[in-house]
C-alpha atoms as a PDB file:
ATOM      1  CA  UNK A   1     -21.016   6.623   8.518  1.00  0.00           C
ATOM      2  CA  UNK A   2     -22.028   9.073   5.797  1.00  0.00           C
ATOM      3  CA  UNK A   3     -21.773  12.861   6.012  1.00  0.00           C
ATOM      4  CA  UNK A   4     -20.544  12.836   9.602  1.00  0.00           C
ATOM      5  CA  UNK A   5     -17.506  14.746  11.000  1.00  0.00           C
ATOM      6  CA  UNK A   6     -15.505  15.274  14.154  1.00  0.00           C
ATOM      7  CA  UNK A   7     -15.923  11.760  15.559  1.00  0.00           C
ATOM      8  CA  UNK A   8     -13.615   9.863  17.855  1.00  0.00           C
ATOM      9  CA  UNK A   9     -13.667   6.047  17.371  1.00  0.00           C
ATOM     10  CA  UNK A  10     -11.473   4.351  19.941  1.00  0.00           C
ATOM     11  CA  UNK A  11     -10.909   0.704  21.153  1.00  0.00           C
ATOM     12  CA  UNK A  12     -13.367  -0.915  18.871  1.00  0.00           C
ATOM     13  CA  UNK A  13     -13.159  -4.433  17.565  1.00  0.00           C
ATOM     14  CA  UNK A  14     -15.032  -5.369  14.394  1.00  0.00           C
ATOM     15  CA  UNK A  15     -14.573  -8.775  12.628  1.00  0.00           C
ATOM     16  CA  UNK A  16     -16.590 -11.165  10.465  1.00  0.00           C
ATOM     17  CA  UNK A  17     -17.861  -8.442   8.147  1.00  0.00           C
ATOM     18  CA  UNK A  18     -17.320  -7.531   4.525  1.00  0.00           C
ATOM     19  CA  UNK A  19     -15.757  -4.304   5.630  1.00  0.00           C
ATOM     20  CA  UNK A  20     -14.846  -3.456   9.156  1.00  0.00           C
ATOM     21  CA  UNK A  21     -15.152   0.329   8.979  1.00  0.00           C
ATOM     22  CA  UNK A  22     -16.662   2.348   6.068  1.00  0.00           C
ATOM     23  CA  UNK A  23     -16.898   6.147   6.226  1.00  0.00           C
ATOM     24  CA  UNK A  24     -18.000   8.442   3.396  1.00  0.00           C
ATOM     25  CA  UNK A  25     -17.884  12.293   3.112  1.00  0.00           C
ATOM     26  CA  UNK A  26     -16.500  13.470   6.509  1.00  0.00           C
ATOM     27  CA  UNK A  27     -13.535  15.215   8.196  1.00  0.00           C
ATOM     28  CA  UNK A  28     -11.718  15.461  11.486  1.00  0.00           C
ATOM     29  CA  UNK A  29     -12.212  11.819  12.505  1.00  0.00           C
ATOM     30  CA  UNK A  30      -9.819  10.274  15.020  1.00  0.00           C
ATOM     31  CA  UNK A  31      -9.741   6.441  14.750  1.00  0.00           C
ATOM     32  CA  UNK A  32      -7.444   5.035  17.422  1.00  0.00           C
ATOM     33  CA  UNK A  33      -6.543   1.599  18.860  1.00  0.00           C
ATOM     34  CA  UNK A  34      -9.247  -0.185  16.815  1.00  0.00           C
ATOM     35  CA  UNK A  35      -8.984  -3.696  15.353  1.00  0.00           C
ATOM     36  CA  UNK A  36     -10.612  -4.395  11.929  1.00  0.00           C
ATOM     37  CA  UNK A  37      -8.937  -7.760  11.386  1.00  0.00           C
ATOM     38  CA  UNK A  38     -10.547 -10.959  10.150  1.00  0.00           C
ATOM     39  CA  UNK A  39     -13.034  -9.344   7.780  1.00  0.00           C
ATOM     40  CA  UNK A  40     -13.309 -10.125   3.977  1.00  0.00           C
ATOM     41  CA  UNK A  41     -10.180 -12.054   2.923  1.00  0.00           C
ATOM     42  CA  UNK A  42      -9.726 -14.084  -0.334  1.00  0.00           C
ATOM     43  CA  UNK A  43      -5.998 -15.361  -0.633  1.00  0.00           C
ATOM     44  CA  UNK A  44      -7.229 -17.877  -3.308  1.00  0.00           C
ATOM     45  CA  UNK A  45      -8.618 -15.195  -5.812  1.00  0.00           C
ATOM     46  CA  UNK A  46      -6.906 -15.030  -9.122  1.00  0.00           C
ATOM     47  CA  UNK A  47      -5.910 -11.971 -11.108  1.00  0.00           C
ATOM     48  CA  UNK A  48      -7.984  -8.786 -11.406  1.00  0.00           C
ATOM     49  CA  UNK A  49     -10.048  -6.431  -9.253  1.00  0.00           C
ATOM     50  CA  UNK A  50     -12.308  -7.893  -6.542  1.00  0.00           C
ATOM     51  CA  UNK A  51     -13.881  -4.802  -5.015  1.00  0.00           C
ATOM     52  CA  UNK A  52     -12.715  -2.432  -2.261  1.00  0.00           C
ATOM     53  CA  UNK A  53     -13.479  -4.250   1.026  1.00  0.00           C
ATOM     54  CA  UNK A  54     -11.861  -5.733   3.958  1.00  0.00           C
ATOM     55  CA  UNK A  55     -10.532  -3.582   6.858  1.00  0.00           C
ATOM     56  CA  UNK A  56     -11.094   0.174   6.535  1.00  0.00           C
ATOM     57  CA  UNK A  57     -12.554   2.043   3.465  1.00  0.00           C
ATOM     58  CA  UNK A  58     -12.472   5.777   3.549  1.00  0.00           C
ATOM     59  CA  UNK A  59     -14.125   7.692   0.797  1.00  0.00           C
ATOM     60  CA  UNK A  60     -13.944  11.730   0.631  1.00  0.00           C
ATOM     61  CA  UNK A  61     -12.433  11.752   4.137  1.00  0.00           C
ATOM     62  CA  UNK A  62     -10.312  14.873   5.023  1.00  0.00           C
ATOM     63  CA  UNK A  63      -8.117  16.054   7.804  1.00  0.00           C
ATOM     64  CA  UNK A  64      -8.454  12.801   9.832  1.00  0.00           C
ATOM     65  CA  UNK A  65      -6.066  10.666  11.744  1.00  0.00           C
ATOM     66  CA  UNK A  66      -5.692   6.875  12.005  1.00  0.00           C
ATOM     67  CA  UNK A  67      -3.307   5.830  14.799  1.00  0.00           C
ATOM     68  CA  UNK A  68      -2.495   2.415  16.514  1.00  0.00           C
ATOM     69  CA  UNK A  69      -5.098   0.455  14.516  1.00  0.00           C
ATOM     70  CA  UNK A  70      -4.944  -3.175  13.194  1.00  0.00           C
ATOM     71  CA  UNK A  71      -6.374  -4.675  10.112  1.00  0.00           C
ATOM     72  CA  UNK A  72      -4.733  -8.132   9.327  1.00  0.00           C
ATOM     73  CA  UNK A  73      -6.058 -11.120   7.365  1.00  0.00           C
ATOM     74  CA  UNK A  74      -8.291  -8.940   5.083  1.00  0.00           C
ATOM     75  CA  UNK A  75      -8.472  -8.265   1.395  1.00  0.00           C
ATOM     76  CA  UNK A  76      -7.563  -4.562   1.662  1.00  0.00           C
ATOM     77  CA  UNK A  77      -6.431  -3.326   5.053  1.00  0.00           C
ATOM     78  CA  UNK A  78      -6.977   0.399   4.376  1.00  0.00           C
ATOM     79  CA  UNK A  79      -8.290   2.078   1.176  1.00  0.00           C
ATOM     80  CA  UNK A  80      -8.387   5.864   0.708  1.00  0.00           C
ATOM     81  CA  UNK A  81     -10.508   7.059  -2.218  1.00  0.00           C
ATOM     82  CA  UNK A  82     -10.782  10.795  -2.928  1.00  0.00           C
ATOM     83  CA  UNK A  83      -9.510  11.415   0.615  1.00  0.00           C
ATOM     84  CA  UNK A  84      -6.835  14.179   1.377  1.00  0.00           C
ATOM     85  CA  UNK A  85      -4.806  15.642   4.122  1.00  0.00           C
ATOM     86  CA  UNK A  86      -5.039  12.609   6.472  1.00  0.00           C
ATOM     87  CA  UNK A  87      -2.449  11.198   8.786  1.00  0.00           C
ATOM     88  CA  UNK A  88      -1.882   7.410   9.143  1.00  0.00           C
ATOM     89  CA  UNK A  89       0.659   6.586  11.755  1.00  0.00           C
ATOM     90  CA  UNK A  90       1.790   3.511  13.662  1.00  0.00           C
ATOM     91  CA  UNK A  91      -0.850   1.263  12.267  1.00  0.00           C
ATOM     92  CA  UNK A  92      -0.518  -2.505  11.564  1.00  0.00           C
ATOM     93  CA  UNK A  93      -2.135  -3.061   8.239  1.00  0.00           C
ATOM     94  CA  UNK A  94      -0.007  -6.263   7.439  1.00  0.00           C
ATOM     95  CA  UNK A  95      -0.838  -9.700   6.052  1.00  0.00           C
ATOM     96  CA  UNK A  96      -3.384  -8.921   3.457  1.00  0.00           C
ATOM     97  CA  UNK A  97      -4.511 -10.861   0.358  1.00  0.00           C
ATOM     98  CA  UNK A  98      -4.624  -7.745  -1.971  1.00  0.00           C
ATOM     99  CA  UNK A  99      -3.113  -4.611  -0.488  1.00  0.00           C
ATOM    100  CA  UNK A 100      -2.097  -3.281   2.903  1.00  0.00           C
ATOM    101  CA  UNK A 101      -2.768   0.374   1.729  1.00  0.00           C
ATOM    102  CA  UNK A 102      -4.443   1.519  -1.456  1.00  0.00           C
ATOM    103  CA  UNK A 103      -4.823   5.185  -2.586  1.00  0.00           C
ATOM    104  CA  UNK A 104      -7.107   6.270  -5.299  1.00  0.00           C
ATOM    105  CA  UNK A 105      -7.171   9.977  -6.225  1.00  0.00           C
ATOM    106  CA  UNK A 106      -6.116  10.739  -2.618  1.00  0.00           C
ATOM    107  CA  UNK A 107      -3.505  13.541  -2.109  1.00  0.00           C
ATOM    108  CA  UNK A 108      -1.309  15.066   0.585  1.00  0.00           C
ATOM    109  CA  UNK A 109      -1.693  12.312   3.037  1.00  0.00           C
ATOM    110  CA  UNK A 110       1.109  11.455   5.478  1.00  0.00           C
ATOM    111  CA  UNK A 111       1.845   7.898   5.940  1.00  0.00           C
ATOM    112  CA  UNK A 112       4.287   7.318   8.836  1.00  0.00           C
ATOM    113  CA  UNK A 113       5.858   4.291  10.658  1.00  0.00           C
ATOM    114  CA  UNK A 114       3.175   1.750   9.658  1.00  0.00           C
ATOM    115  CA  UNK A 115       3.490  -2.007   9.216  1.00  0.00           C
ATOM    116  CA  UNK A 116       2.490  -2.511   5.537  1.00  0.00           C
ATOM    117  CA  UNK A 117       4.244  -5.778   5.139  1.00  0.00           C
ATOM    118  CA  UNK A 118       3.087  -8.972   3.440  1.00  0.00           C
ATOM    119  CA  UNK A 119       0.506  -7.615   0.937  1.00  0.00           C
ATOM    120  CA  UNK A 120       0.761 -10.920  -0.819  1.00  0.00           C
ATOM    121  CA  UNK A 121      -1.549 -13.266  -2.648  1.00  0.00           C
ATOM    122  CA  UNK A 122       0.348 -16.283  -4.105  1.00  0.00           C
ATOM    123  CA  UNK A 123       0.108 -20.024  -4.385  1.00  0.00           C
ATOM    124  CA  UNK A 124       3.372 -22.225  -3.694  1.00  0.00           C
ATOM    125  CA  UNK A 125       5.564 -22.136  -6.814  1.00  0.00           C
ATOM    126  CA  UNK A 126       3.653 -19.236  -8.457  1.00  0.00           C
ATOM    127  CA  UNK A 127       5.740 -16.614 -10.276  1.00  0.00           C
ATOM    128  CA  UNK A 128       4.055 -13.282 -10.256  1.00  0.00           C
ATOM    129  CA  UNK A 129       1.981 -12.919  -6.905  1.00  0.00           C
ATOM    130  CA  UNK A 130      -0.955 -11.881  -9.103  1.00  0.00           C
ATOM    131  CA  UNK A 131      -2.031  -8.329  -8.424  1.00  0.00           C
ATOM    132  CA  UNK A 132      -0.972  -8.130  -4.823  1.00  0.00           C
ATOM    133  CA  UNK A 133       1.255  -5.414  -3.403  1.00  0.00           C
ATOM    134  CA  UNK A 134       1.806  -3.904   0.030  1.00  0.00           C
ATOM    135  CA  UNK A 135       1.160  -0.339  -1.241  1.00  0.00           C
ATOM    136  CA  UNK A 136      -0.789   0.605  -4.285  1.00  0.00           C
ATOM    137  CA  UNK A 137      -0.883   4.271  -5.501  1.00  0.00           C
ATOM    138  CA  UNK A 138      -3.103   5.231  -8.555  1.00  0.00           C
ATOM    139  CA  UNK A 139      -5.342   7.609 -10.294  1.00  0.00           C
ATOM    140  CA  UNK A 140      -4.141  11.076  -9.394  1.00  0.00           C
ATOM    141  CA  UNK A 141      -2.837  10.310  -5.993  1.00  0.00           C
ATOM    142  CA  UNK A 142      -0.369  13.187  -5.678  1.00  0.00           C
ATOM    143  CA  UNK A 143       1.950  14.692  -3.085  1.00  0.00           C
ATOM    144  CA  UNK A 144       1.650  12.037  -0.459  1.00  0.00           C
ATOM    145  CA  UNK A 145       4.552  11.534   1.939  1.00  0.00           C
ATOM    146  CA  UNK A 146       5.522   8.142   3.109  1.00  0.00           C
ATOM    147  CA  UNK A 147       8.015   7.862   5.880  1.00  0.00           C
ATOM    148  CA  UNK A 148       9.632   5.035   7.797  1.00  0.00           C
ATOM    149  CA  UNK A 149       7.026   2.267   6.813  1.00  0.00           C
ATOM    150  CA  UNK A 150       7.635  -1.445   6.658  1.00  0.00           C
ATOM    151  CA  UNK A 151       6.536  -2.386   3.063  1.00  0.00           C
ATOM    152  CA  UNK A 152       8.475  -5.717   3.018  1.00  0.00           C
ATOM    153  CA  UNK A 153       7.455  -9.168   1.691  1.00  0.00           C
ATOM    154  CA  UNK A 154       4.743  -7.897  -0.671  1.00  0.00           C
ATOM    155  CA  UNK A 155       3.840  -8.980  -4.173  1.00  0.00           C
ATOM    156  CA  UNK A 156       5.400  -5.589  -4.944  1.00  0.00           C
ATOM    157  CA  UNK A 157       6.501  -3.418  -2.022  1.00  0.00           C
ATOM    158  CA  UNK A 158       5.238  -0.159  -3.448  1.00  0.00           C
ATOM    159  CA  UNK A 159       3.427   0.055  -6.822  1.00  0.00           C
ATOM    160  CA  UNK A 160       2.539   3.445  -8.471  1.00  0.00           C
ATOM    161  CA  UNK A 161       0.179   2.447 -11.190  1.00  0.00           C
ATOM    162  CA  UNK A 162      -1.222   4.259 -14.125  1.00  0.00           C
ATOM    163  CA  UNK A 163      -3.515   1.493 -15.255  1.00  0.00           C
ATOM    164  CA  UNK A 164      -6.236   4.002 -16.512  1.00  0.00           C
ATOM    165  CA  UNK A 165      -3.702   6.446 -17.802  1.00  0.00           C
ATOM    166  CA  UNK A 166      -3.969   8.855 -14.778  1.00  0.00           C
ATOM    167  CA  UNK A 167      -0.614   9.299 -13.224  1.00  0.00           C
ATOM    168  CA  UNK A 168       0.336   9.938  -9.661  1.00  0.00           C
ATOM    169  CA  UNK A 169       3.158  12.479  -9.057  1.00  0.00           C
ATOM    170  CA  UNK A 170       4.805  14.538  -6.371  1.00  0.00           C
ATOM    171  CA  UNK A 171       4.918  11.646  -3.853  1.00  0.00           C
ATOM    172  CA  UNK A 172       7.884  11.375  -1.490  1.00  0.00           C
ATOM    173  CA  UNK A 173       9.215   8.185  -0.081  1.00  0.00           C
ATOM    174  CA  UNK A 174      11.773   8.473   2.641  1.00  0.00           C
ATOM    175  CA  UNK A 175      13.318   5.825   4.955  1.00  0.00           C
ATOM    176  CA  UNK A 176      10.794   2.990   3.856  1.00  0.00           C
ATOM    177  CA  UNK A 177      11.945  -0.694   3.606  1.00  0.00           C
ATOM    178  CA  UNK A 178      10.294  -2.456   0.703  1.00  0.00           C
ATOM    179  CA  UNK A 179      12.723  -5.436   0.569  1.00  0.00           C
ATOM    180  CA  UNK A 180      11.947  -9.026  -0.147  1.00  0.00           C
ATOM    181  CA  UNK A 181       9.232  -8.238  -2.611  1.00  0.00           C
ATOM    182  CA  UNK A 182       8.213 -11.188  -4.702  1.00  0.00           C
ATOM    183  CA  UNK A 183       8.339  -9.107  -7.911  1.00  0.00           C
ATOM    184  CA  UNK A 184       9.594  -5.487  -7.526  1.00  0.00           C
ATOM    185  CA  UNK A 185      10.455  -3.726  -4.300  1.00  0.00           C
ATOM    186  CA  UNK A 186       9.454  -0.260  -5.865  1.00  0.00           C
ATOM    187  CA  UNK A 187       7.522  -0.257  -9.177  1.00  0.00           C
ATOM    188  CA  UNK A 188       6.376   2.929 -10.739  1.00  0.00           C
ATOM    189  CA  UNK A 189       4.868   4.009 -14.160  1.00  0.00           C
ATOM    190  CA  UNK A 190       4.481   7.646 -13.178  1.00  0.00           C
ATOM    191  CA  UNK A 191       6.741  10.737 -13.431  1.00  0.00           C
ATOM    192  CA  UNK A 192       7.992  13.231 -10.834  1.00  0.00           C
ATOM    193  CA  UNK A 193       8.139  11.094  -7.613  1.00  0.00           C
ATOM    194  CA  UNK A 194      11.058  11.088  -5.204  1.00  0.00           C
ATOM    195  CA  UNK A 195      12.788   8.271  -3.317  1.00  0.00           C
ATOM    196  CA  UNK A 196      15.198   9.095  -0.496  1.00  0.00           C
ATOM    197  CA  UNK A 197      17.038   6.722   1.804  1.00  0.00           C
ATOM    198  CA  UNK A 198      14.750   3.716   1.235  1.00  0.00           C
ATOM    199  CA  UNK A 199      15.674   0.011   1.267  1.00  0.00           C
ATOM    200  CA  UNK A 200      14.882  -2.086  -1.879  1.00  0.00           C
ATOM    201  CA  UNK A 201      16.837  -5.284  -1.381  1.00  0.00           C
ATOM    202  CA  UNK A 202      16.307  -9.022  -2.026  1.00  0.00           C
ATOM    203  CA  UNK A 203      13.463  -8.607  -4.476  1.00  0.00           C
ATOM    204  CA  UNK A 204      13.407  -9.500  -8.249  1.00  0.00           C
ATOM    205  CA  UNK A 205      14.128  -5.856  -8.892  1.00  0.00           C
ATOM    206  CA  UNK A 206      14.936  -3.029  -6.439  1.00  0.00           C
ATOM    207  CA  UNK A 207      13.517  -0.166  -8.501  1.00  0.00           C
ATOM    208  CA  UNK A 208      11.486  -0.754 -11.671  1.00  0.00           C
ATOM    209  CA  UNK A 209      10.821   2.818 -13.016  1.00  0.00           C
ATOM    210  CA  UNK A 210       9.205   2.513 -16.431  1.00  0.00           C
ATOM    211  CA  UNK A 211       7.933   5.917 -17.709  1.00  0.00           C
ATOM    212  CA  UNK A 212       9.138   7.538 -14.647  1.00  0.00           C
ATOM    213  CA  UNK A 213      10.497  10.835 -16.105  1.00  0.00           C
ATOM    214  CA  UNK A 214      11.895  13.563 -13.799  1.00  0.00           C
ATOM    215  CA  UNK A 215      12.172  11.131 -10.960  1.00  0.00           C
ATOM    216  CA  UNK A 216      14.700  11.557  -8.108  1.00  0.00           C
ATOM    217  CA  UNK A 217      16.598   8.751  -6.263  1.00  0.00           C
ATOM    218  CA  UNK A 218      18.947   9.709  -3.368  1.00  0.00           C
ATOM    219  CA  UNK A 219      20.819   7.453  -1.019  1.00  0.00           C
ATOM    220  CA  UNK A 220      18.719   4.335  -1.521  1.00  0.00           C
ATOM    221  CA  UNK A 221      19.775   0.661  -1.111  1.00  0.00           C
ATOM    222  CA  UNK A 222      19.018  -1.699  -3.943  1.00  0.00           C
ATOM    223  CA  UNK A 223      21.096  -4.856  -3.504  1.00  0.00           C
ATOM    224  CA  UNK A 224      20.858  -8.736  -3.858  1.00  0.00           C
ATOM    225  CA  UNK A 225      17.844  -8.421  -6.290  1.00  0.00           C
ATOM    226  CA  UNK A 226      17.138 -11.034  -8.845  1.00  0.00           C
ATOM    227  CA  UNK A 227      19.511 -13.677  -7.467  1.00  0.00           C
ATOM    228  CA  UNK A 228      18.874 -17.473  -8.204  1.00  0.00           C
ATOM    229  CA  UNK A 229      18.991 -18.128  -4.366  1.00  0.00           C
ATOM    230  CA  UNK A 230      16.298 -15.486  -3.794  1.00  0.00           C
ATOM    231  CA  UNK A 231      13.365 -13.707  -5.549  1.00  0.00           C
ATOM    232  CA  UNK A 232      13.902 -13.858  -9.337  1.00  0.00           C
ATOM    233  CA  UNK A 233      10.280 -13.811 -10.565  1.00  0.00           C
ATOM    234  CA  UNK A 234      10.236 -10.828 -13.019  1.00  0.00           C
ATOM    235  CA  UNK A 235       9.880 -11.946 -16.697  1.00  0.00           C
ATOM    236  CA  UNK A 236      12.584  -9.401 -17.611  1.00  0.00           C
ATOM    237  CA  UNK A 237      15.169 -11.473 -15.758  1.00  0.00           C
ATOM    238  CA  UNK A 238      17.169 -14.156 -17.567  1.00  0.00           C
ATOM    239  CA  UNK A 239      15.569 -17.614 -17.270  1.00  0.00           C
ATOM    240  CA  UNK A 240      12.702 -16.285 -15.199  1.00  0.00           C
END
């Protein structure tokens, strides 16, 4: 769909495609109880970018709601590009080969109680899980609120990246679980984000916050990281 608004899409199954659902330039969509699993998936891909495709791709979408949807066994489960003021709640976007949720220049979105676990692309015995992560936030994605999400067992749990030098700030993470990340439970290279009451246990690092000036952490757990008996894959750890 392009240039279409005020649509309800409910109880739809779409599989076997490059992308299950792609919408551009619209607002006030309700996407509910749909299944976009088993579309483009490439767990054997190496390092680097591989296109935005897989489950759901939203570009310039505003004031819309995604509720109780699934997108499993895909490259990216849900991608928001230039998309603002949306609500994602109670979706299962787990078990992907790149990301469970990716935001690019997308602001003021609310992400609540979603399954964003196992954003992971790795071969047995591999160290860094390539570029995979459960949640990837980049390129001016500001003032988003993440509450009560399962971001466990990812390459990273949550990664706020400034790969192109464009930081993302003002994001709030409250009550999320990013434990058991292969590398870092929370990794950020951006300032002025806030982490309250999250879990970041049993990864290589709990919080890796390079260049994260004016950042607030309150009441988080960050335990049992980097242990020889668990994940200890960061190159910064001894003998890694």
